[in-house]
Amino acid sequence: MHRSRAGRKPRRTIANASKRIERLASRSAVAIFSVSTCSLCHAVKRLFCSLGVSPRVHEIDCDPDRKRMEKALVGFLGISFSTSAAVPVVFIGGKLIGSMDSVMAAHINGSLVPLLRDAGALWL
């Protein structure tokens, strides 16, 4: 018996994980890909909350496709998986901002709030 293509589950690949990340990131003004036990993830979430932003948080440690999601996030960041953490990864207005260092640099140099306003995450 042959199963139709429509009846099959989609293959789990890094390319599919990347598309899923892009789709999830585009649905919110601010999207954070995080791990629930990560202190840097907690800090970046607190930063956005302190600015009055309610980010959409995707805890990838709760995702059944965690490993592929991590590899896809590393690919977005352009870093070596073996030497760097894949999270947190922040998207604003569907555009990749980067990890904690990029978010903090934008916060310190004053470019974070305008990005948040342009994305509709802040109204003031």
PDB file of N, CA and C in Angstrom:
ATOM      1  N   MET A   1       0.837  -1.182   0.000  1.00  0.00           N
ATOM      2  CA  MET A   1       0.000   0.000   0.000  1.00  0.00           C
ATOM      3  C   MET A   1       0.880   1.242   0.000  1.00  0.00           C
ATOM      4  N   HIS A   2       0.541   2.169  -0.840  1.00  0.00           N
ATOM      5  CA  HIS A   2       1.314   3.396  -0.985  1.00  0.00           C
ATOM      6  C   HIS A   2       0.628   4.543  -0.254  1.00  0.00           C
ATOM      7  N   ARG A   3       1.360   5.276   0.580  1.00  0.00           N
ATOM      8  CA  ARG A   3       0.779   6.461   1.232  1.00  0.00           C
ATOM      9  C   ARG A   3       0.935   7.661   0.324  1.00  0.00           C
ATOM     10  N   SER A   4      -0.093   8.459   0.271  1.00  0.00           N
ATOM     11  CA  SER A   4      -0.007   9.662  -0.551  1.00  0.00           C
ATOM     12  C   SER A   4       0.914  10.676   0.112  1.00  0.00           C
ATOM     13  N   ARG A   5       1.433  11.555  -0.699  1.00  0.00           N
ATOM     14  CA  ARG A   5       2.311  12.607  -0.174  1.00  0.00           C
ATOM     15  C   ARG A   5       1.603  13.493   0.824  1.00  0.00           C
ATOM     16  N   ALA A   6       0.321  13.710   0.604  1.00  0.00           N
ATOM     17  CA  ALA A   6      -0.453  14.581   1.495  1.00  0.00           C
ATOM     18  C   ALA A   6      -0.587  13.970   2.888  1.00  0.00           C
ATOM     19  N   GLY A   7      -0.508  12.641   2.988  1.00  0.00           N
ATOM     20  CA  GLY A   7      -0.653  11.977   4.275  1.00  0.00           C
ATOM     21  C   GLY A   7       0.625  11.895   5.090  1.00  0.00           C
ATOM     22  N   ARG A   8       1.725  12.294   4.518  1.00  0.00           N
ATOM     23  CA  ARG A   8       3.008  12.204   5.216  1.00  0.00           C
ATOM     24  C   ARG A   8       3.253  13.429   6.080  1.00  0.00           C
ATOM     25  N   LYS A   9       3.978  13.199   7.162  1.00  0.00           N
ATOM     26  CA  LYS A   9       4.417  14.316   7.998  1.00  0.00           C
ATOM     27  C   LYS A   9       5.571  15.015   7.272  1.00  0.00           C
ATOM     28  N   PRO A  10       5.669  16.338   7.411  1.00  0.00           N
ATOM     29  CA  PRO A  10       6.787  17.032   6.769  1.00  0.00           C
ATOM     30  C   PRO A  10       8.114  16.577   7.379  1.00  0.00           C
ATOM     31  N   ARG A  11       9.122  16.477   6.542  1.00  0.00           N
ATOM     32  CA  ARG A  11      10.446  16.083   7.025  1.00  0.00           C
ATOM     33  C   ARG A  11      11.012  17.183   7.906  1.00  0.00           C
ATOM     34  N   ARG A  12      11.643  16.761   8.962  1.00  0.00           N
ATOM     35  CA  ARG A  12      12.284  17.722   9.851  1.00  0.00           C
ATOM     36  C   ARG A  12      13.713  17.950   9.372  1.00  0.00           C
ATOM     37  N   THR A  13      13.936  19.131   8.836  1.00  0.00           N
ATOM     38  CA  THR A  13      15.265  19.497   8.350  1.00  0.00           C
ATOM     39  C   THR A  13      15.623  20.866   8.921  1.00  0.00           C
ATOM     40  N   ILE A  14      16.887  21.202   8.813  1.00  0.00           N
ATOM     41  CA  ILE A  14      17.319  22.527   9.272  1.00  0.00           C
ATOM     42  C   ILE A  14      16.688  23.608   8.392  1.00  0.00           C
ATOM     43  N   ALA A  15      16.555  23.334   7.098  1.00  0.00           N
ATOM     44  CA  ALA A  15      15.913  24.307   6.200  1.00  0.00           C
ATOM     45  C   ALA A  15      14.465  24.553   6.616  1.00  0.00           C
ATOM     46  N   ASN A  16      13.749  23.494   6.974  1.00  0.00           N
ATOM     47  CA  ASN A  16      12.372  23.664   7.445  1.00  0.00           C
ATOM     48  C   ASN A  16      12.335  24.411   8.771  1.00  0.00           C
ATOM     49  N   ALA A  17      13.299  24.133   9.646  1.00  0.00           N
ATOM     50  CA  ALA A  17      13.375  24.854  10.925  1.00  0.00           C
ATOM     51  C   ALA A  17      13.633  26.335  10.670  1.00  0.00           C
ATOM     52  N   SER A  18      14.493  26.655   9.708  1.00  0.00           N
ATOM     53  CA  SER A  18      14.767  28.061   9.371  1.00  0.00           C
ATOM     54  C   SER A  18      13.516  28.762   8.866  1.00  0.00           C
ATOM     55  N   LYS A  19      12.767  28.086   8.007  1.00  0.00           N
ATOM     56  CA  LYS A  19      11.517  28.667   7.495  1.00  0.00           C
ATOM     57  C   LYS A  19      10.522  28.880   8.630  1.00  0.00           C
ATOM     58  N   ARG A  20      10.482  27.937   9.542  1.00  0.00           N
ATOM     59  CA  ARG A  20       9.574  28.059  10.689  1.00  0.00           C
ATOM     60  C   ARG A  20       9.968  29.244  11.565  1.00  0.00           C
ATOM     61  N   ILE A  21      11.257  29.413  11.800  1.00  0.00           N
ATOM     62  CA  ILE A  21      11.742  30.553  12.587  1.00  0.00           C
ATOM     63  C   ILE A  21      11.351  31.859  11.905  1.00  0.00           C
ATOM     64  N   GLU A  22      11.573  31.950  10.605  1.00  0.00           N
ATOM     65  CA  GLU A  22      11.204  33.165   9.871  1.00  0.00           C
ATOM     66  C   GLU A  22       9.710  33.445   9.972  1.00  0.00           C
ATOM     67  N   ARG A  23       8.910  32.396   9.861  1.00  0.00           N
ATOM     68  CA  ARG A  23       7.455  32.544   9.953  1.00  0.00           C
ATOM     69  C   ARG A  23       7.043  33.024  11.341  1.00  0.00           C
ATOM     70  N   LEU A  24       7.607  32.406  12.381  1.00  0.00           N
ATOM     71  CA  LEU A  24       7.281  32.808  13.753  1.00  0.00           C
ATOM     72  C   LEU A  24       7.752  34.239  14.026  1.00  0.00           C
ATOM     73  N   ALA A  25       8.926  34.586  13.541  1.00  0.00           N
ATOM     74  CA  ALA A  25       9.476  35.928  13.775  1.00  0.00           C
ATOM     75  C   ALA A  25       8.648  37.000  13.076  1.00  0.00           C
ATOM     76  N   SER A  26       8.082  36.658  11.941  1.00  0.00           N
ATOM     77  CA  SER A  26       7.317  37.656  11.184  1.00  0.00           C
ATOM     78  C   SER A  26       5.932  37.908  11.766  1.00  0.00           C
ATOM     79  N   ARG A  27       5.492  37.065  12.681  1.00  0.00           N
ATOM     80  CA  ARG A  27       4.144  37.198  13.248  1.00  0.00           C
ATOM     81  C   ARG A  27       4.073  38.141  14.442  1.00  0.00           C
ATOM     82  N   SER A  28       5.199  38.639  14.914  1.00  0.00           N
ATOM     83  CA  SER A  28       5.218  39.495  16.108  1.00  0.00           C
ATOM     84  C   SER A  28       6.129  40.682  15.895  1.00  0.00           C
ATOM     85  N   ALA A  29       5.825  41.769  16.583  1.00  0.00           N
ATOM     86  CA  ALA A  29       6.706  42.935  16.524  1.00  0.00           C
ATOM     87  C   ALA A  29       8.083  42.582  17.080  1.00  0.00           C
ATOM     88  N   VAL A  30       8.107  41.801  18.161  1.00  0.00           N
ATOM     89  CA  VAL A  30       9.367  41.344  18.761  1.00  0.00           C
ATOM     90  C   VAL A  30       9.234  39.856  19.044  1.00  0.00           C
ATOM     91  N   ALA A  31      10.172  39.091  18.524  1.00  0.00           N
ATOM     92  CA  ALA A  31      10.206  37.648  18.771  1.00  0.00           C
ATOM     93  C   ALA A  31      11.559  37.292  19.359  1.00  0.00           C
ATOM     94  N   ILE A  32      11.514  36.537  20.443  1.00  0.00           N
ATOM     95  CA  ILE A  32      12.736  36.079  21.097  1.00  0.00           C
ATOM     96  C   ILE A  32      12.737  34.565  21.095  1.00  0.00           C
ATOM     97  N   PHE A  33      13.809  33.981  20.579  1.00  0.00           N
ATOM     98  CA  PHE A  33      14.001  32.539  20.638  1.00  0.00           C
ATOM     99  C   PHE A  33      14.931  32.296  21.811  1.00  0.00           C
ATOM    100  N   SER A  34      14.459  31.486  22.750  1.00  0.00           N
ATOM    101  CA  SER A  34      15.053  31.397  24.068  1.00  0.00           C
ATOM    102  C   SER A  34      15.090  29.955  24.551  1.00  0.00           C
ATOM    103  N   VAL A  35      15.830  29.746  25.631  1.00  0.00           N
ATOM    104  CA  VAL A  35      15.795  28.498  26.393  1.00  0.00           C
ATOM    105  C   VAL A  35      15.408  28.899  27.813  1.00  0.00           C
ATOM    106  N   SER A  36      14.451  28.207  28.386  1.00  0.00           N
ATOM    107  CA  SER A  36      13.862  28.629  29.660  1.00  0.00           C
ATOM    108  C   SER A  36      14.859  28.702  30.812  1.00  0.00           C
ATOM    109  N   THR A  37      15.952  27.972  30.750  1.00  0.00           N
ATOM    110  CA  THR A  37      16.929  27.977  31.851  1.00  0.00           C
ATOM    111  C   THR A  37      18.139  28.862  31.575  1.00  0.00           C
ATOM    112  N   CYS A  38      18.131  29.620  30.498  1.00  0.00           N
ATOM    113  CA  CYS A  38      19.277  30.442  30.083  1.00  0.00           C
ATOM    114  C   CYS A  38      19.218  31.820  30.745  1.00  0.00           C
ATOM    115  N   SER A  39      20.284  32.179  31.459  1.00  0.00           N
ATOM    116  CA  SER A  39      20.300  33.469  32.150  1.00  0.00           C
ATOM    117  C   SER A  39      20.361  34.649  31.173  1.00  0.00           C
ATOM    118  N   LEU A  40      21.082  34.516  30.062  1.00  0.00           N
ATOM    119  CA  LEU A  40      21.110  35.590  29.067  1.00  0.00           C
ATOM    120  C   LEU A  40      19.730  35.782  28.432  1.00  0.00           C
ATOM    121  N   CYS A  41      19.025  34.683  28.219  1.00  0.00           N
ATOM    122  CA  CYS A  41      17.662  34.757  27.677  1.00  0.00           C
ATOM    123  C   CYS A  41      16.752  35.501  28.649  1.00  0.00           C
ATOM    124  N   HIS A  42      16.882  35.168  29.918  1.00  0.00           N
ATOM    125  CA  HIS A  42      16.078  35.840  30.941  1.00  0.00           C
ATOM    126  C   HIS A  42      16.375  37.338  30.945  1.00  0.00           C
ATOM    127  N   ALA A  43      17.646  37.685  30.857  1.00  0.00           N
ATOM    128  CA  ALA A  43      18.036  39.100  30.880  1.00  0.00           C
ATOM    129  C   ALA A  43      17.479  39.861  29.681  1.00  0.00           C
ATOM    130  N   VAL A  44      17.522  39.260  28.493  1.00  0.00           N
ATOM    131  CA  VAL A  44      17.015  39.973  27.319  1.00  0.00           C
ATOM    132  C   VAL A  44      15.490  40.106  27.388  1.00  0.00           C
ATOM    133  N   LYS A  45      14.813  39.091  27.906  1.00  0.00           N
ATOM    134  CA  LYS A  45      13.356  39.194  28.085  1.00  0.00           C
ATOM    135  C   LYS A  45      13.020  40.299  29.079  1.00  0.00           C
ATOM    136  N   ARG A  46      13.761  40.399  30.158  1.00  0.00           N
ATOM    137  CA  ARG A  46      13.540  41.450  31.160  1.00  0.00           C
ATOM    138  C   ARG A  46      13.798  42.835  30.571  1.00  0.00           C
ATOM    139  N   LEU A  47      14.819  42.956  29.725  1.00  0.00           N
ATOM    140  CA  LEU A  47      15.110  44.241  29.087  1.00  0.00           C
ATOM    141  C   LEU A  47      13.900  44.710  28.287  1.00  0.00           C
ATOM    142  N   PHE A  48      13.358  43.846  27.456  1.00  0.00           N
ATOM    143  CA  PHE A  48      12.206  44.245  26.648  1.00  0.00           C
ATOM    144  C   PHE A  48      11.002  44.574  27.520  1.00  0.00           C
ATOM    145  N   CYS A  49      10.766  43.790  28.545  1.00  0.00           N
ATOM    146  CA  CYS A  49       9.642  44.077  29.443  1.00  0.00           C
ATOM    147  C   CYS A  49       9.838  45.413  30.149  1.00  0.00           C
ATOM    148  N   SER A  50      11.081  45.724  30.532  1.00  0.00           N
ATOM    149  CA  SER A  50      11.349  47.003  31.203  1.00  0.00           C
ATOM    150  C   SER A  50      11.127  48.191  30.278  1.00  0.00           C
ATOM    151  N   LEU A  51      11.204  47.957  28.971  1.00  0.00           N
ATOM    152  CA  LEU A  51      10.945  49.015  27.990  1.00  0.00           C
ATOM    153  C   LEU A  51       9.466  49.125  27.636  1.00  0.00           C
ATOM    154  N   GLY A  52       8.646  48.246  28.229  1.00  0.00           N
ATOM    155  CA  GLY A  52       7.221  48.271  27.955  1.00  0.00           C
ATOM    156  C   GLY A  52       6.807  47.447  26.744  1.00  0.00           C
ATOM    157  N   VAL A  53       7.680  46.538  26.333  1.00  0.00           N
ATOM    158  CA  VAL A  53       7.431  45.690  25.169  1.00  0.00           C
ATOM    159  C   VAL A  53       7.020  44.305  25.655  1.00  0.00           C
ATOM    160  N   SER A  54       6.044  43.733  24.982  1.00  0.00           N
ATOM    161  CA  SER A  54       5.627  42.358  25.275  1.00  0.00           C
ATOM    162  C   SER A  54       6.097  41.459  24.134  1.00  0.00           C
ATOM    163  N   PRO A  55       7.294  40.908  24.248  1.00  0.00           N
ATOM    164  CA  PRO A  55       7.809  40.091  23.148  1.00  0.00           C
ATOM    165  C   PRO A  55       7.096  38.751  23.064  1.00  0.00           C
ATOM    166  N   ARG A  56       7.084  38.196  21.890  1.00  0.00           N
ATOM    167  CA  ARG A  56       6.615  36.817  21.699  1.00  0.00           C
ATOM    168  C   ARG A  56       7.837  35.934  21.945  1.00  0.00           C
ATOM    169  N   VAL A  57       7.770  35.097  22.960  1.00  0.00           N
ATOM    170  CA  VAL A  57       8.912  34.265  23.351  1.00  0.00           C
ATOM    171  C   VAL A  57       8.670  32.834  22.905  1.00  0.00           C
ATOM    172  N   HIS A  58       9.634  32.286  22.210  1.00  0.00           N
ATOM    173  CA  HIS A  58       9.593  30.900  21.756  1.00  0.00           C
ATOM    174  C   HIS A  58      10.672  30.141  22.515  1.00  0.00           C
ATOM    175  N   GLU A  59      10.253  29.354  23.481  1.00  0.00           N
ATOM    176  CA  GLU A  59      11.191  28.561  24.291  1.00  0.00           C
ATOM    177  C   GLU A  59      11.520  27.293  23.510  1.00  0.00           C
ATOM    178  N   ILE A  60      12.690  27.274  22.891  1.00  0.00           N
ATOM    179  CA  ILE A  60      12.991  26.143  22.018  1.00  0.00           C
ATOM    180  C   ILE A  60      13.284  24.860  22.790  1.00  0.00           C
ATOM    181  N   ASP A  61      13.564  24.973  24.095  1.00  0.00           N
ATOM    182  CA  ASP A  61      13.773  23.739  24.865  1.00  0.00           C
ATOM    183  C   ASP A  61      12.465  22.970  25.047  1.00  0.00           C
ATOM    184  N   CYS A  62      11.335  23.613  24.763  1.00  0.00           N
ATOM    185  CA  CYS A  62      10.032  22.957  24.832  1.00  0.00           C
ATOM    186  C   CYS A  62       9.573  22.481  23.461  1.00  0.00           C
ATOM    187  N   ASP A  63      10.390  22.690  22.466  1.00  0.00           N
ATOM    188  CA  ASP A  63      10.043  22.343  21.089  1.00  0.00           C
ATOM    189  C   ASP A  63      10.536  20.935  20.764  1.00  0.00           C
ATOM    190  N   PRO A  64       9.693  20.101  20.164  1.00  0.00           N
ATOM    191  CA  PRO A  64      10.140  18.749  19.821  1.00  0.00           C
ATOM    192  C   PRO A  64      11.260  18.733  18.778  1.00  0.00           C
ATOM    193  N   ASP A  65      11.460  19.837  18.085  1.00  0.00           N
ATOM    194  CA  ASP A  65      12.505  19.932  17.063  1.00  0.00           C
ATOM    195  C   ASP A  65      13.653  20.822  17.539  1.00  0.00           C
ATOM    196  N   ARG A  66      13.949  20.774  18.831  1.00  0.00           N
ATOM    197  CA  ARG A  66      14.920  21.679  19.455  1.00  0.00           C
ATOM    198  C   ARG A  66      16.277  21.705  18.750  1.00  0.00           C
ATOM    199  N   LYS A  67      16.842  20.550  18.476  1.00  0.00           N
ATOM    200  CA  LYS A  67      18.201  20.507  17.899  1.00  0.00           C
ATOM    201  C   LYS A  67      18.258  21.203  16.545  1.00  0.00           C
ATOM    202  N   ARG A  68      17.277  20.964  15.708  1.00  0.00           N
ATOM    203  CA  ARG A  68      17.265  21.617  14.400  1.00  0.00           C
ATOM    204  C   ARG A  68      16.995  23.116  14.536  1.00  0.00           C
ATOM    205  N   MET A  69      16.158  23.483  15.494  1.00  0.00           N
ATOM    206  CA  MET A  69      15.904  24.909  15.745  1.00  0.00           C
ATOM    207  C   MET A  69      17.201  25.594  16.183  1.00  0.00           C
ATOM    208  N   GLU A  70      17.942  24.958  17.088  1.00  0.00           N
ATOM    209  CA  GLU A  70      19.216  25.528  17.529  1.00  0.00           C
ATOM    210  C   GLU A  70      20.184  25.684  16.361  1.00  0.00           C
ATOM    211  N   LYS A  71      20.294  24.664  15.542  1.00  0.00           N
ATOM    212  CA  LYS A  71      21.205  24.735  14.393  1.00  0.00           C
ATOM    213  C   LYS A  71      20.769  25.815  13.413  1.00  0.00           C
ATOM    214  N   ALA A  72      19.480  25.955  13.212  1.00  0.00           N
ATOM    215  CA  ALA A  72      18.984  27.003  12.318  1.00  0.00           C
ATOM    216  C   ALA A  72      19.280  28.389  12.890  1.00  0.00           C
ATOM    217  N   LEU A  73      19.104  28.559  14.197  1.00  0.00           N
ATOM    218  CA  LEU A  73      19.402  29.856  14.831  1.00  0.00           C
ATOM    219  C   LEU A  73      20.885  30.184  14.717  1.00  0.00           C
ATOM    220  N   VAL A  74      21.726  29.185  14.902  1.00  0.00           N
ATOM    221  CA  VAL A  74      23.172  29.386  14.735  1.00  0.00           C
ATOM    222  C   VAL A  74      23.467  29.827  13.310  1.00  0.00           C
ATOM    223  N   GLY A  75      22.771  29.227  12.349  1.00  0.00           N
ATOM    224  CA  GLY A  75      22.940  29.625  10.957  1.00  0.00           C
ATOM    225  C   GLY A  75      22.528  31.069  10.721  1.00  0.00           C
ATOM    226  N   PHE A  76      21.440  31.502  11.345  1.00  0.00           N
ATOM    227  CA  PHE A  76      21.015  32.899  11.234  1.00  0.00           C
ATOM    228  C   PHE A  76      22.088  33.834  11.777  1.00  0.00           C
ATOM    229  N   LEU A  77      22.697  33.430  12.892  1.00  0.00           N
ATOM    230  CA  LEU A  77      23.693  34.288  13.534  1.00  0.00           C
ATOM    231  C   LEU A  77      25.055  34.226  12.844  1.00  0.00           C
ATOM    232  N   GLY A  78      25.284  33.169  12.072  1.00  0.00           N
ATOM    233  CA  GLY A  78      26.572  33.032  11.392  1.00  0.00           C
ATOM    234  C   GLY A  78      27.710  32.731  12.342  1.00  0.00           C
ATOM    235  N   ILE A  79      27.430  31.931  13.380  1.00  0.00           N
ATOM    236  CA  ILE A  79      28.451  31.594  14.368  1.00  0.00           C
ATOM    237  C   ILE A  79      28.722  30.098  14.349  1.00  0.00           C
ATOM    238  N   SER A  80      29.770  29.704  15.035  1.00  0.00           N
ATOM    239  CA  SER A  80      30.105  28.289  15.147  1.00  0.00           C
ATOM    240  C   SER A  80      29.276  27.660  16.247  1.00  0.00           C
ATOM    241  N   PHE A  81      28.568  26.594  15.916  1.00  0.00           N
ATOM    242  CA  PHE A  81      27.719  25.910  16.894  1.00  0.00           C
ATOM    243  C   PHE A  81      28.518  25.359  18.055  1.00  0.00           C
ATOM    244  N   SER A  82      29.738  24.938  17.807  1.00  0.00           N
ATOM    245  CA  SER A  82      30.521  24.292  18.857  1.00  0.00           C
ATOM    246  C   SER A  82      31.067  25.275  19.885  1.00  0.00           C
ATOM    247  N   THR A  83      31.153  26.555  19.534  1.00  0.00           N
ATOM    248  CA  THR A  83      31.763  27.505  20.451  1.00  0.00           C
ATOM    249  C   THR A  83      30.804  28.540  21.025  1.00  0.00           C
ATOM    250  N   SER A  84      29.608  28.629  20.512  1.00  0.00           N
ATOM    251  CA  SER A  84      28.704  29.688  20.941  1.00  0.00           C
ATOM    252  C   SER A  84      27.312  29.157  21.241  1.00  0.00           C
ATOM    253  N   ALA A  85      26.661  29.843  22.146  1.00  0.00           N
ATOM    254  CA  ALA A  85      25.270  29.503  22.447  1.00  0.00           C
ATOM    255  C   ALA A  85      24.381  30.017  21.330  1.00  0.00           C
ATOM    256  N   ALA A  86      23.341  29.272  21.029  1.00  0.00           N
ATOM    257  CA  ALA A  86      22.430  29.652  19.950  1.00  0.00           C
ATOM    258  C   ALA A  86      21.365  30.633  20.408  1.00  0.00           C
ATOM    259  N   VAL A  87      21.224  30.840  21.701  1.00  0.00           N
ATOM    260  CA  VAL A  87      20.166  31.703  22.219  1.00  0.00           C
ATOM    261  C   VAL A  87      20.734  32.687  23.227  1.00  0.00           C
ATOM    262  N   PRO A  88      20.074  33.808  23.452  1.00  0.00           N
ATOM    263  CA  PRO A  88      18.841  34.256  22.821  1.00  0.00           C
ATOM    264  C   PRO A  88      19.090  34.803  21.418  1.00  0.00           C
ATOM    265  N   VAL A  89      18.069  34.708  20.588  1.00  0.00           N
ATOM    266  CA  VAL A  89      18.089  35.319  19.261  1.00  0.00           C
ATOM    267  C   VAL A  89      16.838  36.185  19.167  1.00  0.00           C
ATOM    268  N   VAL A  90      17.044  37.446  18.771  1.00  0.00           N
ATOM    269  CA  VAL A  90      15.959  38.427  18.762  1.00  0.00           C
ATOM    270  C   VAL A  90      15.691  38.908  17.345  1.00  0.00           C
ATOM    271  N   PHE A  91      14.400  38.950  17.007  1.00  0.00           N
ATOM    272  CA  PHE A  91      13.926  39.530  15.758  1.00  0.00           C
ATOM    273  C   PHE A  91      13.008  40.685  16.124  1.00  0.00           C
ATOM    274  N   ILE A  92      13.160  41.809  15.437  1.00  0.00           N
ATOM    275  CA  ILE A  92      12.272  42.956  15.620  1.00  0.00           C
ATOM    276  C   ILE A  92      11.700  43.309  14.259  1.00  0.00           C
ATOM    277  N   GLY A  93      10.380  43.362  14.198  1.00  0.00           N
ATOM    278  CA  GLY A  93       9.729  43.629  12.922  1.00  0.00           C
ATOM    279  C   GLY A  93      10.044  42.579  11.876  1.00  0.00           C
ATOM    280  N   GLY A  94      10.274  41.349  12.310  1.00  0.00           N
ATOM    281  CA  GLY A  94      10.585  40.261  11.397  1.00  0.00           C
ATOM    282  C   GLY A  94      12.022  40.225  10.926  1.00  0.00           C
ATOM    283  N   LYS A  95      12.824  41.194  11.375  1.00  0.00           N
ATOM    284  CA  LYS A  95      14.230  41.266  10.955  1.00  0.00           C
ATOM    285  C   LYS A  95      15.139  40.812  12.087  1.00  0.00           C
ATOM    286  N   LEU A  96      16.147  40.038  11.736  1.00  0.00           N
ATOM    287  CA  LEU A  96      17.107  39.552  12.714  1.00  0.00           C
ATOM    288  C   LEU A  96      17.893  40.712  13.307  1.00  0.00           C
ATOM    289  N   ILE A  97      17.871  40.823  14.634  1.00  0.00           N
ATOM    290  CA  ILE A  97      18.703  41.795  15.335  1.00  0.00           C
ATOM    291  C   ILE A  97      19.980  41.098  15.791  1.00  0.00           C
ATOM    292  N   GLY A  98      19.827  39.908  16.325  1.00  0.00           N
ATOM    293  CA  GLY A  98      20.990  39.125  16.738  1.00  0.00           C
ATOM    294  C   GLY A  98      20.813  38.568  18.127  1.00  0.00           C
ATOM    295  N   SER A  99      21.936  38.322  18.753  1.00  0.00           N
ATOM    296  CA  SER A  99      21.915  37.749  20.096  1.00  0.00           C
ATOM    297  C   SER A  99      22.040  38.869  21.133  1.00  0.00           C
ATOM    298  N   MET A 100      22.303  38.490  22.351  1.00  0.00           N
ATOM    299  CA  MET A 100      22.332  39.440  23.467  1.00  0.00           C
ATOM    300  C   MET A 100      23.280  40.604  23.220  1.00  0.00           C
ATOM    301  N   ASP A 101      24.461  40.336  22.674  1.00  0.00           N
ATOM    302  CA  ASP A 101      25.420  41.423  22.469  1.00  0.00           C
ATOM    303  C   ASP A 101      24.897  42.461  21.476  1.00  0.00           C
ATOM    304  N   SER A 102      24.211  42.028  20.431  1.00  0.00           N
ATOM    305  CA  SER A 102      23.648  42.967  19.451  1.00  0.00           C
ATOM    306  C   SER A 102      22.508  43.781  20.051  1.00  0.00           C
ATOM    307  N   VAL A 103      21.673  43.129  20.845  1.00  0.00           N
ATOM    308  CA  VAL A 103      20.551  43.821  21.488  1.00  0.00           C
ATOM    309  C   VAL A 103      21.085  44.858  22.479  1.00  0.00           C
ATOM    310  N   MET A 104      22.059  44.470  23.280  1.00  0.00           N
ATOM    311  CA  MET A 104      22.614  45.408  24.266  1.00  0.00           C
ATOM    312  C   MET A 104      23.333  46.574  23.588  1.00  0.00           C
ATOM    313  N   ALA A 105      24.049  46.303  22.507  1.00  0.00           N
ATOM    314  CA  ALA A 105      24.722  47.381  21.774  1.00  0.00           C
ATOM    315  C   ALA A 105      23.688  48.369  21.234  1.00  0.00           C
ATOM    316  N   ALA A 106      22.574  47.845  20.687  1.00  0.00           N
ATOM    317  CA  ALA A 106      21.513  48.720  20.172  1.00  0.00           C
ATOM    318  C   ALA A 106      20.873  49.515  21.305  1.00  0.00           C
ATOM    319  N   HIS A 107      20.713  48.897  22.458  1.00  0.00           N
ATOM    320  CA  HIS A 107      20.138  49.586  23.612  1.00  0.00           C
ATOM    321  C   HIS A 107      21.065  50.713  24.077  1.00  0.00           C
ATOM    322  N   ILE A 108      22.338  50.413  24.177  1.00  0.00           N
ATOM    323  CA  ILE A 108      23.312  51.401  24.666  1.00  0.00           C
ATOM    324  C   ILE A 108      23.485  52.552  23.678  1.00  0.00           C
ATOM    325  N   ASN A 109      23.512  52.247  22.369  1.00  0.00           N
ATOM    326  CA  ASN A 109      23.741  53.334  21.406  1.00  0.00           C
ATOM    327  C   ASN A 109      22.461  54.084  21.026  1.00  0.00           C
ATOM    328  N   GLY A 110      21.331  53.668  21.616  1.00  0.00           N
ATOM    329  CA  GLY A 110      20.085  54.395  21.410  1.00  0.00           C
ATOM    330  C   GLY A 110      19.285  53.988  20.182  1.00  0.00           C
ATOM    331  N   SER A 111      19.696  52.951  19.488  1.00  0.00           N
ATOM    332  CA  SER A 111      18.964  52.553  18.277  1.00  0.00           C
ATOM    333  C   SER A 111      17.874  51.515  18.535  1.00  0.00           C
ATOM    334  N   LEU A 112      17.819  50.942  19.730  1.00  0.00           N
ATOM    335  CA  LEU A 112      16.830  49.908  20.013  1.00  0.00           C
ATOM    336  C   LEU A 112      15.410  50.469  20.064  1.00  0.00           C
ATOM    337  N   VAL A 113      15.202  51.555  20.780  1.00  0.00           N
ATOM    338  CA  VAL A 113      13.854  52.117  20.913  1.00  0.00           C
ATOM    339  C   VAL A 113      13.283  52.537  19.556  1.00  0.00           C
ATOM    340  N   PRO A 114      14.041  53.210  18.677  1.00  0.00           N
ATOM    341  CA  PRO A 114      13.489  53.509  17.351  1.00  0.00           C
ATOM    342  C   PRO A 114      13.117  52.248  16.554  1.00  0.00           C
ATOM    343  N   LEU A 115      13.913  51.195  16.674  1.00  0.00           N
ATOM    344  CA  LEU A 115      13.573  49.932  16.009  1.00  0.00           C
ATOM    345  C   LEU A 115      12.237  49.390  16.527  1.00  0.00           C
ATOM    346  N   LEU A 116      12.073  49.469  17.839  1.00  0.00           N
ATOM    347  CA  LEU A 116      10.838  48.983  18.454  1.00  0.00           C
ATOM    348  C   LEU A 116       9.639  49.831  18.032  1.00  0.00           C
ATOM    349  N   ARG A 117       9.830  51.133  17.945  1.00  0.00           N
ATOM    350  CA  ARG A 117       8.741  52.016  17.487  1.00  0.00           C
ATOM    351  C   ARG A 117       8.367  51.703  16.045  1.00  0.00           C
ATOM    352  N   ASP A 118       9.388  51.561  15.177  1.00  0.00           N
ATOM    353  CA  ASP A 118       9.128  51.278  13.767  1.00  0.00           C
ATOM    354  C   ASP A 118       8.394  49.950  13.572  1.00  0.00           C
ATOM    355  N   ALA A 119       8.655  48.997  14.452  1.00  0.00           N
ATOM    356  CA  ALA A 119       8.029  47.676  14.360  1.00  0.00           C
ATOM    357  C   ALA A 119       6.630  47.653  14.984  1.00  0.00           C
ATOM    358  N   GLY A 120       6.260  48.751  15.657  1.00  0.00           N
ATOM    359  CA  GLY A 120       4.948  48.812  16.306  1.00  0.00           C
ATOM    360  C   GLY A 120       4.924  48.166  17.674  1.00  0.00           C
ATOM    361  N   ALA A 121       6.089  47.942  18.266  1.00  0.00           N
ATOM    362  CA  ALA A 121       6.153  47.341  19.605  1.00  0.00           C
ATOM    363  C   ALA A 121       6.024  48.394  20.703  1.00  0.00           C
ATOM    364  N   LEU A 122       6.297  49.650  20.369  1.00  0.00           N
ATOM    365  CA  LEU A 122       6.189  50.784  21.291  1.00  0.00           C
ATOM    366  C   LEU A 122       5.352  51.872  20.641  1.00  0.00           C
ATOM    367  N   TRP A 123       4.567  52.534  21.431  1.00  0.00           N
ATOM    368  CA  TRP A 123       3.735  53.615  20.894  1.00  0.00           C
ATOM    369  C   TRP A 123       4.181  54.986  21.356  1.00  0.00           C
ATOM    370  N   LEU A 124       5.083  55.051  22.297  1.00  0.00           N
ATOM    371  CA  LEU A 124       5.535  56.343  22.811  1.00  0.00           C
ATOM    372  C   LEU A 124       6.814  56.801  22.166  1.00  0.00           C
TER     373      LEU A 124
END
